[in-house]
Amino acid sequence: MKGLAEELAENAGKPAEWGWEQFTKDISLGRLSESEDVAKIIGFLAGPDSDYITGQTIIVDGGMVFH
């Protein structure tokens, strides 16, 4: 996500921080995702606590789809 924000800023001729602000204003949790955010859900799905989950789509986007 940070790479996309930085590319947006570069294309607009703005600093990287501007790109991050453009992305985070639409994310309910107010921050860009980290690789650890995805790793946590992968760890959960690979573990025993998810043994009754079938056929689901799990969106790891900090609430961006609701905004």
Protein backbone atom coordinates (compact mmCIF):
# COMPACT_ATOMS: atom_id res chain seq x y z
CA MET A 1 0.00 0.00 0.00
CA LYS A 2 2.83 2.40 0.79
CA GLY A 3 4.27 1.84 -2.66
CA LEU A 4 0.97 2.83 -4.27
CA ALA A 5 0.72 5.94 -2.11
CA GLU A 6 4.26 6.95 -3.00
CA GLU A 7 3.60 6.37 -6.71
CA LEU A 8 0.46 8.52 -6.50
CA ALA A 9 2.49 11.31 -4.91
CA GLU A 10 5.28 11.01 -7.45
CA ASN A 11 2.83 11.18 -10.36
CA ALA A 12 1.24 14.28 -8.81
CA GLY A 13 4.62 15.91 -8.18
CA LYS A 14 4.02 15.88 -4.42
CA PRO A 15 6.04 14.50 -1.48
CA ALA A 16 5.46 10.89 -0.36
CA GLU A 17 3.65 12.08 2.78
CA TRP A 18 0.98 13.65 0.58
CA GLY A 19 0.33 10.29 -1.08
CA TRP A 20 0.05 8.56 2.29
CA GLU A 21 -2.46 11.17 3.46
CA GLN A 22 -4.55 10.64 0.31
CA PHE A 23 -4.79 6.92 1.04
CA THR A 24 -5.23 7.07 4.82
CA LYS A 25 -8.11 9.56 4.68
CA ASP A 26 -10.22 6.76 3.12
CA ILE A 27 -9.16 4.05 5.59
CA SER A 28 -11.33 3.73 8.70
CA LEU A 29 -8.40 2.65 10.88
CA GLY A 30 -6.43 5.71 9.73
CA ARG A 31 -3.21 4.02 8.66
CA LEU A 32 -1.70 2.22 5.70
CA SER A 33 -1.45 -1.55 5.82
CA GLU A 34 1.72 -3.36 6.77
CA SER A 35 2.77 -6.83 5.66
CA GLU A 36 2.21 -7.96 9.26
CA ASP A 37 -1.51 -7.15 8.91
CA VAL A 38 -1.84 -9.76 6.17
CA ALA A 39 0.52 -12.19 7.93
CA LYS A 40 -1.69 -12.16 11.03
CA ILE A 41 -4.78 -13.28 9.13
CA ILE A 42 -2.76 -15.92 7.27
CA GLY A 43 -1.49 -17.21 10.61
CA PHE A 44 -5.03 -17.34 11.96
CA LEU A 45 -6.39 -19.14 8.89
CA ALA A 46 -3.54 -21.66 9.00
CA GLY A 47 -4.12 -22.37 12.69
CA PRO A 48 -6.61 -24.52 14.58
CA ASP A 49 -8.93 -21.63 15.52
CA SER A 50 -10.10 -21.39 11.92
CA ASP A 51 -10.93 -25.07 11.44
CA TYR A 52 -14.66 -24.37 10.93
CA ILE A 53 -14.26 -21.57 8.38
CA THR A 54 -15.05 -22.51 4.80
CA GLY A 55 -15.40 -20.57 1.56
CA GLN A 56 -14.94 -17.05 2.91
CA THR A 57 -13.44 -13.91 1.48
CA ILE A 58 -11.57 -12.04 4.18
CA ILE A 59 -10.76 -8.45 3.30
CA VAL A 60 -7.74 -7.01 5.09
CA ASP A 61 -8.02 -3.32 4.21
CA GLY A 62 -8.47 -1.43 7.48
CA GLY A 63 -12.08 -0.63 6.64
CA MET A 64 -11.37 1.06 3.31
CA VAL A 65 -14.32 -0.62 1.56
CA PHE A 66 -16.76 1.00 4.00
CA HIS A 67 -15.49 4.51 3.35
